[in-house]
Each structure stands twice: as C-alpha cells, then as structure tokens.
Amino acid sequence: MSEELTKINNSGDREKRWGETVGSYFEAADITNEEINFPAIVRGIGDIEGQTILDYGCGNGRFSRKIELMKAKRVIGVDREQSMIDLARKSNPDSQIEYHVNLEGTMAFLEDNSVDKVMANLVFMMSPTKEDMSQAFREVQRVLKENGIFVYLVTHSAFIEKGAPDYRNQFDEPFDYFAEEKPYRFILLDSQGKEINEKFYDYHYTLATYLNMAIQSGFTIVGVEEVGYNDSNVAERHKISQEFQKFPQSFMVVSKKLNASK
C-alpha cells in the first residue's frame, strides 16, 4: 500500500479530508444517489409520518430534509465531520432537524431505545476497519427501539470496479474481492461530466461482511435489494447508457432490532 493510502487509514486524516472536500463533493451531479439510492431507502424504511428517524451519516442533510418533509415527527442527523453538520444547519436554518457530530462514533446525545427507524446511505464503505463499522452498528442497535427498522445502503461490492454514470472507483492495486479493508479512490463527476479531482477514499468489504455485521450486532435481516437503474423513465431522463443498466450500483439491507424479551 502506498504511503498516502496508509495515511488515509488514520481517523484524523480521514475526517480532515472530508472537511477539505465538502464544497466540491456537493457540486457533483450525484444522479445515482438522488434517483435510485434515496427512493430505495424510502421503500426500505416504510412508514415515515409520525416516526422518529435517525439519518446516520447525514452529510449536508439533504436526505434528512426530505424525510422531514415526509412528516416525520422528529428527524436527527448525525455525521462525523463538523463541516458537514455546519453545512447542514446553514442549508435550512428554519428546519426542526436536530444535527449532531459523533466524531468518536458514539451517540451519547441519544438515549437507549429512543429512535423508531435509522437510515444510513453510503456510510459504511467509509469505515477503515471492521471494528470501526461494528462500533457504528452497535450504537445504532442501542438507540433503536425494539423491533425498530435499520436500513443501510452501500456501494455494491461485487460491481465496485464498474462504477456508475456519475462516479468511478479506482484501486491502487489489482482488485481482489476477498481482500477487505482495502482503500480505493472514489472519484465523483460534476454536472458537466468532469471529474472532481479530490483524493477521497472509501474501503472495500464483501457483501457477507455487510450482512453479518447486522446479524452479529443484534439485528434480524428482513430484506435485501440490489439497487440499479431499473426504472426506464429514470434511465431515459438522465440518458443512462445500457452499460450501467445491466448491473446494480448499490446494495441495500433492511433489518430489524431483535426483541430482547424473546
């Protein structure tokens, strides 16, 4: 592994890079996120009206705001990066969304069994280690009510090299599906199709790891979905090539917190 990638594994460096890339990250077209990932999460999470929803890894809060408009009773946005939370608060100062930084991966500001549902969009590929991911899952499990729903969506591990219409992934070494915790460069495209040249990295995990992480953390899996450009209207509207319509870009897991009394 290169010296640069070794440094990326350091948590402080990772958060610093997020802070440096906030502006350009949200200049991206991000069609995949808006048109296929978020609708999938809404399908997975089910009823929203009157619910307390936690957006884990909320970024600039764009999906938190959409959930608020769907009449959630309470929306809580959490992110590890202060600059993301600052941006979320500035984006809609009149919003009732509660934003918090959880730099250490803990959510001490939330009580046990206090949240109805949790959504996490494109968050866990950012975990540099399995232990880091496991800690996040344990915290989600702690704050969820019994039988609460936890929906998380990640880049589809089996097709990670193929990318999507608005981003591509670049490995420093030849791709090995079974080699986990390997960093790879995540390269976004702006609205003009130009690459945003920021050195931002995610980490590779197998689908088995993403599924077993939920099971080992006290969840039961109630559904999975391989998310792609299956809607012909969306594909036509954004001129998505046939190449990107033949495989899923994302993988979504719908899980439920086990009832401790049983």
C-alpha atoms as a PDB file:
ATOM      1  CA  MET A   1       0.000   0.000   0.000  1.00  0.00           C
ATOM      2  CA  SER A   2       1.282   3.472  -0.843  1.00  0.00           C
ATOM      3  CA  GLU A   3       2.364   5.871   1.901  1.00  0.00           C
ATOM      4  CA  GLU A   4      -0.542   8.158   1.009  1.00  0.00           C
ATOM      5  CA  LEU A   5      -3.129   5.386   1.421  1.00  0.00           C
ATOM      6  CA  THR A   6      -1.562   4.352   4.708  1.00  0.00           C
ATOM      7  CA  LYS A   7      -2.105   7.862   5.993  1.00  0.00           C
ATOM      8  CA  ILE A   8      -5.735   7.787   4.907  1.00  0.00           C
ATOM      9  CA  ASN A   9      -6.364   4.956   7.359  1.00  0.00           C
ATOM     10  CA  ASN A  10      -5.692   7.377  10.191  1.00  0.00           C
ATOM     11  CA  SER A  11      -9.055   8.577  11.517  1.00  0.00           C
ATOM     12  CA  GLY A  12      -7.900  12.160  11.942  1.00  0.00           C
ATOM     13  CA  ASP A  13      -6.639  12.348   8.358  1.00  0.00           C
ATOM     14  CA  ARG A  14      -9.902  10.867   7.108  1.00  0.00           C
ATOM     15  CA  GLU A  15     -12.014  13.468   8.885  1.00  0.00           C
ATOM     16  CA  LYS A  16      -9.666  16.259   7.759  1.00  0.00           C
ATOM     17  CA  ARG A  17     -10.081  15.194   4.139  1.00  0.00           C
ATOM     18  CA  TRP A  18     -13.861  15.243   4.489  1.00  0.00           C
ATOM     19  CA  GLY A  19     -13.589  18.802   5.754  1.00  0.00           C
ATOM     20  CA  GLU A  20     -11.426  19.796   2.797  1.00  0.00           C
ATOM     21  CA  THR A  21     -13.733  18.221   0.192  1.00  0.00           C
ATOM     22  CA  VAL A  22     -17.144  19.321   1.464  1.00  0.00           C
ATOM     23  CA  GLY A  23     -17.576  22.097  -1.110  1.00  0.00           C
ATOM     24  CA  SER A  24     -16.626  20.169  -4.215  1.00  0.00           C
ATOM     25  CA  TYR A  25     -18.361  16.964  -3.067  1.00  0.00           C
ATOM     26  CA  PHE A  26     -21.754  18.647  -3.206  1.00  0.00           C
ATOM     27  CA  GLU A  27     -21.091  20.203  -6.582  1.00  0.00           C
ATOM     28  CA  ALA A  28     -21.367  16.701  -8.044  1.00  0.00           C
ATOM     29  CA  ALA A  29     -24.345  15.661 -10.158  1.00  0.00           C
ATOM     30  CA  ASP A  30     -24.940  12.659  -7.862  1.00  0.00           C
ATOM     31  CA  ILE A  31     -27.733  11.250 -10.009  1.00  0.00           C
ATOM     32  CA  THR A  32     -27.314   7.747  -8.594  1.00  0.00           C
ATOM     33  CA  ASN A  33     -27.797   8.966  -5.040  1.00  0.00           C
ATOM     34  CA  GLU A  34     -30.815  11.125  -5.805  1.00  0.00           C
ATOM     35  CA  GLU A  35     -32.607   8.937  -8.320  1.00  0.00           C
ATOM     36  CA  ILE A  36     -32.017   5.359  -7.195  1.00  0.00           C
ATOM     37  CA  ASN A  37     -30.463   5.276  -3.707  1.00  0.00           C
ATOM     38  CA  PHE A  38     -32.805   7.583  -1.826  1.00  0.00           C
ATOM     39  CA  PRO A  39     -36.012   6.121  -3.339  1.00  0.00           C
ATOM     40  CA  ALA A  40     -34.743   2.661  -2.361  1.00  0.00           C
ATOM     41  CA  ILE A  41     -34.164   3.785   1.228  1.00  0.00           C
ATOM     42  CA  VAL A  42     -37.689   5.208   1.383  1.00  0.00           C
ATOM     43  CA  ARG A  43     -39.042   1.854   0.162  1.00  0.00           C
ATOM     44  CA  GLY A  44     -36.998   0.035   2.775  1.00  0.00           C
ATOM     45  CA  ILE A  45     -37.780   2.260   5.729  1.00  0.00           C
ATOM     46  CA  GLY A  46     -41.549   2.123   5.263  1.00  0.00           C
ATOM     47  CA  ASP A  47     -43.870   4.462   7.169  1.00  0.00           C
ATOM     48  CA  ILE A  48     -42.232   7.796   7.979  1.00  0.00           C
ATOM     49  CA  GLU A  49     -45.098  10.007   9.141  1.00  0.00           C
ATOM     50  CA  GLY A  50     -45.112  10.419  12.919  1.00  0.00           C
ATOM     51  CA  GLN A  51     -41.849   8.499  13.346  1.00  0.00           C
ATOM     52  CA  THR A  52     -38.528   9.459  14.953  1.00  0.00           C
ATOM     53  CA  ILE A  53     -35.942   8.952  12.189  1.00  0.00           C
ATOM     54  CA  LEU A  54     -32.163   8.976  12.589  1.00  0.00           C
ATOM     55  CA  ASP A  55     -30.142   9.800   9.462  1.00  0.00           C
ATOM     56  CA  TYR A  56     -26.804   8.193  10.340  1.00  0.00           C
ATOM     57  CA  GLY A  57     -24.053   9.794   8.246  1.00  0.00           C
ATOM     58  CA  CYS A  58     -26.319  12.630   7.128  1.00  0.00           C
ATOM     59  CA  GLY A  59     -23.671  14.667   5.289  1.00  0.00           C
ATOM     60  CA  ASN A  60     -25.126  18.050   4.350  1.00  0.00           C
ATOM     61  CA  GLY A  61     -28.581  16.935   5.472  1.00  0.00           C
ATOM     62  CA  ARG A  62     -30.260  16.767   2.062  1.00  0.00           C
ATOM     63  CA  PHE A  63     -31.962  13.438   2.772  1.00  0.00           C
ATOM     64  CA  SER A  64     -32.740  14.451   6.354  1.00  0.00           C
ATOM     65  CA  ARG A  65     -34.650  17.415   4.945  1.00  0.00           C
ATOM     66  CA  LYS A  66     -36.583  15.180   2.556  1.00  0.00           C
ATOM     67  CA  ILE A  67     -37.540  12.903   5.436  1.00  0.00           C
ATOM     68  CA  GLU A  68     -38.708  15.925   7.439  1.00  0.00           C
ATOM     69  CA  LEU A  69     -40.971  16.942   4.554  1.00  0.00           C
ATOM     70  CA  MET A  70     -42.484  13.449   4.642  1.00  0.00           C
ATOM     71  CA  LYS A  71     -43.924  14.386   8.054  1.00  0.00           C
ATOM     72  CA  ALA A  72     -41.572  12.527  10.358  1.00  0.00           C
ATOM     73  CA  LYS A  73     -42.250  13.564  13.972  1.00  0.00           C
ATOM     74  CA  ARG A  74     -38.550  14.025  14.735  1.00  0.00           C
ATOM     75  CA  VAL A  75     -35.503  13.875  12.459  1.00  0.00           C
ATOM     76  CA  ILE A  76     -31.971  13.542  13.835  1.00  0.00           C
ATOM     77  CA  GLY A  77     -28.973  13.980  11.538  1.00  0.00           C
ATOM     78  CA  VAL A  78     -25.612  12.614  12.645  1.00  0.00           C
ATOM     79  CA  ASP A  79     -22.228  12.901  10.949  1.00  0.00           C
ATOM     80  CA  ARG A  80     -18.602  12.501  11.991  1.00  0.00           C
ATOM     81  CA  GLU A  81     -17.477  15.688  10.281  1.00  0.00           C
ATOM     82  CA  GLN A  82     -18.180  19.078  11.837  1.00  0.00           C
ATOM     83  CA  SER A  83     -18.031  20.846   8.462  1.00  0.00           C
ATOM     84  CA  MET A  84     -20.836  18.598   7.181  1.00  0.00           C
ATOM     85  CA  ILE A  85     -23.025  19.417  10.171  1.00  0.00           C
ATOM     86  CA  ASP A  86     -22.268  23.135   9.780  1.00  0.00           C
ATOM     87  CA  LEU A  87     -23.308  22.935   6.137  1.00  0.00           C
ATOM     88  CA  ALA A  88     -26.497  21.047   7.024  1.00  0.00           C
ATOM     89  CA  ARG A  89     -27.508  23.669   9.565  1.00  0.00           C
ATOM     90  CA  LYS A  90     -26.849  26.527   7.137  1.00  0.00           C
ATOM     91  CA  SER A  91     -28.760  24.855   4.300  1.00  0.00           C
ATOM     92  CA  ASN A  92     -32.098  25.330   6.056  1.00  0.00           C
ATOM     93  CA  PRO A  93     -31.848  27.323   9.299  1.00  0.00           C
ATOM     94  CA  ASP A  94     -35.627  27.152   9.798  1.00  0.00           C
ATOM     95  CA  SER A  95     -35.663  23.356   9.846  1.00  0.00           C
ATOM     96  CA  GLN A  96     -36.514  21.490  13.050  1.00  0.00           C
ATOM     97  CA  ILE A  97     -33.956  18.769  12.296  1.00  0.00           C
ATOM     98  CA  GLU A  98     -31.548  18.059  15.167  1.00  0.00           C
ATOM     99  CA  TYR A  99     -27.956  17.821  13.953  1.00  0.00           C
ATOM    100  CA  HIS A 100     -25.105  16.304  15.962  1.00  0.00           C
ATOM    101  CA  VAL A 101     -21.439  15.475  15.429  1.00  0.00           C
ATOM    102  CA  ASN A 102     -20.409  11.975  16.535  1.00  0.00           C
ATOM    103  CA  LEU A 103     -16.672  12.211  15.971  1.00  0.00           C
ATOM    104  CA  GLU A 104     -15.868   9.207  18.146  1.00  0.00           C
ATOM    105  CA  GLY A 105     -18.575   7.043  16.606  1.00  0.00           C
ATOM    106  CA  THR A 106     -20.768   7.240  19.689  1.00  0.00           C
ATOM    107  CA  MET A 107     -24.144   8.918  20.104  1.00  0.00           C
ATOM    108  CA  ALA A 108     -24.174   9.865  23.787  1.00  0.00           C
ATOM    109  CA  PHE A 109     -26.712  12.582  22.958  1.00  0.00           C
ATOM    110  CA  LEU A 110     -29.323   9.863  22.271  1.00  0.00           C
ATOM    111  CA  GLU A 111     -30.882   7.619  24.884  1.00  0.00           C
ATOM    112  CA  ASP A 112     -31.260   3.874  24.570  1.00  0.00           C
ATOM    113  CA  ASN A 113     -34.360   2.735  22.668  1.00  0.00           C
ATOM    114  CA  SER A 114     -35.269   6.278  21.600  1.00  0.00           C
ATOM    115  CA  VAL A 115     -35.439   6.059  17.785  1.00  0.00           C
ATOM    116  CA  ASP A 116     -38.074   4.359  15.616  1.00  0.00           C
ATOM    117  CA  LYS A 117     -36.024   3.966  12.440  1.00  0.00           C
ATOM    118  CA  VAL A 118     -32.458   4.526  11.227  1.00  0.00           C
ATOM    119  CA  MET A 119     -31.242   5.122   7.684  1.00  0.00           C
ATOM    120  CA  ALA A 120     -27.593   5.084   6.598  1.00  0.00           C
ATOM    121  CA  ASN A 121     -26.879   5.949   2.978  1.00  0.00           C
ATOM    122  CA  LEU A 122     -23.390   5.224   1.611  1.00  0.00           C
ATOM    123  CA  VAL A 123     -21.855   5.362   5.074  1.00  0.00           C
ATOM    124  CA  PHE A 124     -20.192   2.061   5.892  1.00  0.00           C
ATOM    125  CA  MET A 125     -17.808   1.992   2.934  1.00  0.00           C
ATOM    126  CA  MET A 126     -16.144   4.880   4.808  1.00  0.00           C
ATOM    127  CA  SER A 127     -15.244   2.611   7.744  1.00  0.00           C
ATOM    128  CA  PRO A 128     -11.477   1.969   7.590  1.00  0.00           C
ATOM    129  CA  THR A 129     -11.783  -1.211   9.696  1.00  0.00           C
ATOM    130  CA  LYS A 130     -14.407  -3.807  10.552  1.00  0.00           C
ATOM    131  CA  GLU A 131     -14.162  -2.761  14.191  1.00  0.00           C
ATOM    132  CA  ASP A 132     -14.994   0.817  13.252  1.00  0.00           C
ATOM    133  CA  MET A 133     -18.051  -0.417  11.370  1.00  0.00           C
ATOM    134  CA  SER A 134     -19.021  -2.758  14.190  1.00  0.00           C
ATOM    135  CA  GLN A 135     -18.982   0.088  16.706  1.00  0.00           C
ATOM    136  CA  ALA A 136     -21.353   2.076  14.495  1.00  0.00           C
ATOM    137  CA  PHE A 137     -23.737  -0.882  14.212  1.00  0.00           C
ATOM    138  CA  ARG A 138     -23.708  -1.386  17.983  1.00  0.00           C
ATOM    139  CA  GLU A 139     -24.574   2.274  18.564  1.00  0.00           C
ATOM    140  CA  VAL A 140     -27.422   2.107  16.063  1.00  0.00           C
ATOM    141  CA  GLN A 141     -28.698  -1.009  17.797  1.00  0.00           C
ATOM    142  CA  ARG A 142     -28.526   0.741  21.173  1.00  0.00           C
ATOM    143  CA  VAL A 143     -30.582   3.798  20.210  1.00  0.00           C
ATOM    144  CA  LEU A 144     -33.213   1.893  18.205  1.00  0.00           C
ATOM    145  CA  LYS A 145     -36.439   0.853  19.867  1.00  0.00           C
ATOM    146  CA  GLU A 146     -37.214  -2.850  19.995  1.00  0.00           C
ATOM    147  CA  ASN A 147     -38.424  -4.006  16.571  1.00  0.00           C
ATOM    148  CA  GLY A 148     -37.115  -0.726  15.124  1.00  0.00           C
ATOM    149  CA  ILE A 149     -36.015  -0.689  11.485  1.00  0.00           C
ATOM    150  CA  PHE A 150     -32.426  -0.120  10.363  1.00  0.00           C
ATOM    151  CA  VAL A 151     -31.933   0.444   6.623  1.00  0.00           C
ATOM    152  CA  TYR A 152     -28.426   0.815   5.234  1.00  0.00           C
ATOM    153  CA  LEU A 153     -27.231   1.117   1.661  1.00  0.00           C
ATOM    154  CA  VAL A 154     -23.676   0.687   0.367  1.00  0.00           C
ATOM    155  CA  THR A 155     -21.913   0.596  -2.981  1.00  0.00           C
ATOM    156  CA  HIS A 156     -22.446  -2.908  -4.405  1.00  0.00           C
ATOM    157  CA  SER A 157     -19.207  -4.727  -3.555  1.00  0.00           C
ATOM    158  CA  ALA A 158     -19.386  -7.219  -6.415  1.00  0.00           C
ATOM    159  CA  PHE A 159     -19.546  -4.469  -9.053  1.00  0.00           C
ATOM    160  CA  ILE A 160     -17.402  -1.884  -7.330  1.00  0.00           C
ATOM    161  CA  GLU A 161     -14.965  -1.571 -10.232  1.00  0.00           C
ATOM    162  CA  LYS A 162     -17.720  -0.763 -12.721  1.00  0.00           C
ATOM    163  CA  GLY A 163     -18.743   2.488 -11.029  1.00  0.00           C
ATOM    164  CA  ALA A 164     -21.863   4.405 -12.076  1.00  0.00           C
ATOM    165  CA  PRO A 165     -22.821   7.173 -14.518  1.00  0.00           C
ATOM    166  CA  ASP A 166     -21.706   9.857 -12.060  1.00  0.00           C
ATOM    167  CA  TYR A 167     -18.694   8.323 -10.295  1.00  0.00           C
ATOM    168  CA  ARG A 168     -15.959   5.756 -10.650  1.00  0.00           C
ATOM    169  CA  ASN A 169     -13.791   3.806  -8.201  1.00  0.00           C
ATOM    170  CA  GLN A 170     -10.049   3.359  -8.612  1.00  0.00           C
ATOM    171  CA  PHE A 171      -7.971   0.784  -6.731  1.00  0.00           C
ATOM    172  CA  ASP A 172      -4.277   1.373  -6.115  1.00  0.00           C
ATOM    173  CA  GLU A 173      -3.643  -2.360  -6.575  1.00  0.00           C
ATOM    174  CA  PRO A 174      -5.387  -5.050  -8.660  1.00  0.00           C
ATOM    175  CA  PHE A 175      -8.885  -5.584  -7.272  1.00  0.00           C
ATOM    176  CA  ASP A 176      -9.351  -8.625  -5.040  1.00  0.00           C
ATOM    177  CA  TYR A 177     -12.955  -9.072  -3.900  1.00  0.00           C
ATOM    178  CA  PHE A 178     -11.926 -11.012  -0.789  1.00  0.00           C
ATOM    179  CA  ALA A 179      -9.271  -8.504   0.337  1.00  0.00           C
ATOM    180  CA  GLU A 180     -11.183  -6.359   2.816  1.00  0.00           C
ATOM    181  CA  GLU A 181     -10.359  -3.006   4.427  1.00  0.00           C
ATOM    182  CA  LYS A 182      -8.609  -2.044   1.187  1.00  0.00           C
ATOM    183  CA  PRO A 183      -8.885   1.672   0.394  1.00  0.00           C
ATOM    184  CA  TYR A 184      -9.902   2.784  -3.057  1.00  0.00           C
ATOM    185  CA  ARG A 185     -10.290   6.206  -4.557  1.00  0.00           C
ATOM    186  CA  PHE A 186     -13.860   7.412  -5.016  1.00  0.00           C
ATOM    187  CA  ILE A 187     -13.995   9.875  -7.937  1.00  0.00           C
ATOM    188  CA  LEU A 188     -17.156  11.920  -8.476  1.00  0.00           C
ATOM    189  CA  LEU A 189     -18.233  13.696 -11.643  1.00  0.00           C
ATOM    190  CA  ASP A 190     -19.671  17.197 -11.655  1.00  0.00           C
ATOM    191  CA  SER A 191     -22.804  18.197 -13.553  1.00  0.00           C
ATOM    192  CA  GLN A 192     -20.717  18.650 -16.732  1.00  0.00           C
ATOM    193  CA  GLY A 193     -19.226  15.163 -16.509  1.00  0.00           C
ATOM    194  CA  LYS A 194     -15.829  16.444 -15.345  1.00  0.00           C
ATOM    195  CA  GLU A 195     -14.043  14.550 -12.598  1.00  0.00           C
ATOM    196  CA  ILE A 196     -13.817  16.262  -9.233  1.00  0.00           C
ATOM    197  CA  ASN A 197     -10.140  15.809  -8.530  1.00  0.00           C
ATOM    198  CA  GLU A 198     -10.195  15.289  -4.774  1.00  0.00           C
ATOM    199  CA  LYS A 199      -8.297  12.478  -3.057  1.00  0.00           C
ATOM    200  CA  PHE A 200     -11.244  10.924  -1.267  1.00  0.00           C
ATOM    201  CA  TYR A 201     -11.138   7.239  -0.299  1.00  0.00           C
ATOM    202  CA  ASP A 202     -13.631   4.539   0.653  1.00  0.00           C
ATOM    203  CA  TYR A 203     -12.903   0.969   1.800  1.00  0.00           C
ATOM    204  CA  HIS A 204     -13.885  -2.371   0.334  1.00  0.00           C
ATOM    205  CA  TYR A 205     -15.898  -5.039   2.177  1.00  0.00           C
ATOM    206  CA  THR A 206     -17.659  -8.132   0.902  1.00  0.00           C
ATOM    207  CA  LEU A 207     -21.441  -8.432   0.880  1.00  0.00           C
ATOM    208  CA  ALA A 208     -21.101 -11.171   3.502  1.00  0.00           C
ATOM    209  CA  THR A 209     -19.429  -8.715   5.873  1.00  0.00           C
ATOM    210  CA  TYR A 210     -22.173  -6.137   5.417  1.00  0.00           C
ATOM    211  CA  LEU A 211     -24.839  -8.770   6.134  1.00  0.00           C
ATOM    212  CA  ASN A 212     -23.059 -10.498   9.015  1.00  0.00           C
ATOM    213  CA  MET A 213     -22.338  -7.162  10.683  1.00  0.00           C
ATOM    214  CA  ALA A 214     -26.081  -6.670  11.177  1.00  0.00           C
ATOM    215  CA  ILE A 215     -26.667 -10.200  12.430  1.00  0.00           C
ATOM    216  CA  GLN A 216     -23.748 -10.040  14.878  1.00  0.00           C
ATOM    217  CA  SER A 217     -24.959  -6.672  16.183  1.00  0.00           C
ATOM    218  CA  GLY A 218     -28.402  -7.911  17.199  1.00  0.00           C
ATOM    219  CA  PHE A 219     -30.460  -7.365  14.066  1.00  0.00           C
ATOM    220  CA  THR A 220     -32.513  -9.753  12.000  1.00  0.00           C
ATOM    221  CA  ILE A 221     -32.426  -9.188   8.248  1.00  0.00           C
ATOM    222  CA  VAL A 222     -35.900  -8.807   6.786  1.00  0.00           C
ATOM    223  CA  GLY A 223     -34.985  -7.878   3.222  1.00  0.00           C
ATOM    224  CA  VAL A 224     -32.231  -7.008   0.767  1.00  0.00           C
ATOM    225  CA  GLU A 225     -32.314  -5.176  -2.538  1.00  0.00           C
ATOM    226  CA  GLU A 226     -29.776  -4.816  -5.317  1.00  0.00           C
ATOM    227  CA  VAL A 227     -30.402  -1.261  -6.454  1.00  0.00           C
ATOM    228  CA  GLY A 228     -29.846  -0.164 -10.026  1.00  0.00           C
ATOM    229  CA  TYR A 229     -31.209   1.862 -12.924  1.00  0.00           C
ATOM    230  CA  ASN A 230     -34.209  -0.431 -13.418  1.00  0.00           C
ATOM    231  CA  ASP A 231     -36.699   2.384 -13.924  1.00  0.00           C
ATOM    232  CA  SER A 232     -36.739   3.092 -17.657  1.00  0.00           C
ATOM    233  CA  ASN A 233     -38.117   6.590 -17.050  1.00  0.00           C
ATOM    234  CA  VAL A 234     -35.175   7.496 -14.827  1.00  0.00           C
ATOM    235  CA  ALA A 235     -32.684   5.927 -17.227  1.00  0.00           C
ATOM    236  CA  GLU A 236     -34.179   7.776 -20.185  1.00  0.00           C
ATOM    237  CA  ARG A 237     -34.413  11.121 -18.370  1.00  0.00           C
ATOM    238  CA  HIS A 238     -30.736  11.041 -17.451  1.00  0.00           C
ATOM    239  CA  LYS A 239     -29.559   9.310 -20.625  1.00  0.00           C
ATOM    240  CA  ILE A 240     -28.091   6.372 -18.694  1.00  0.00           C
ATOM    241  CA  SER A 241     -26.226   4.075 -21.055  1.00  0.00           C
ATOM    242  CA  GLN A 242     -27.203   0.417 -21.425  1.00  0.00           C
ATOM    243  CA  GLU A 243     -23.864  -0.492 -19.860  1.00  0.00           C
ATOM    244  CA  PHE A 244     -24.931   0.952 -16.494  1.00  0.00           C
ATOM    245  CA  GLN A 245     -28.423  -0.549 -16.660  1.00  0.00           C
ATOM    246  CA  LYS A 246     -27.150  -4.140 -16.688  1.00  0.00           C
ATOM    247  CA  PHE A 247     -25.866  -4.357 -13.096  1.00  0.00           C
ATOM    248  CA  PRO A 248     -26.735  -2.906  -9.665  1.00  0.00           C
ATOM    249  CA  GLN A 249     -24.858   0.119  -8.380  1.00  0.00           C
ATOM    250  CA  SER A 250     -25.886  -0.302  -4.736  1.00  0.00           C
ATOM    251  CA  PHE A 251     -26.823  -2.931  -2.178  1.00  0.00           C
ATOM    252  CA  MET A 252     -29.478  -2.224   0.466  1.00  0.00           C
ATOM    253  CA  VAL A 253     -30.205  -4.158   3.648  1.00  0.00           C
ATOM    254  CA  VAL A 254     -33.407  -3.792   5.642  1.00  0.00           C
ATOM    255  CA  SER A 255     -33.039  -5.108   9.202  1.00  0.00           C
ATOM    256  CA  LYS A 256     -34.970  -5.076  12.447  1.00  0.00           C
ATOM    257  CA  LYS A 257     -33.733  -4.833  16.024  1.00  0.00           C
ATOM    258  CA  LEU A 258     -34.395  -8.124  17.759  1.00  0.00           C
ATOM    259  CA  ASN A 259     -36.879  -8.098  20.616  1.00  0.00           C
ATOM    260  CA  ALA A 260     -34.729  -8.598  23.711  1.00  0.00           C
ATOM    261  CA  SER A 261     -37.615 -10.114  25.659  1.00  0.00           C
ATOM    262  CA  LYS A 262     -37.866 -13.082  23.331  1.00  0.00           C
END
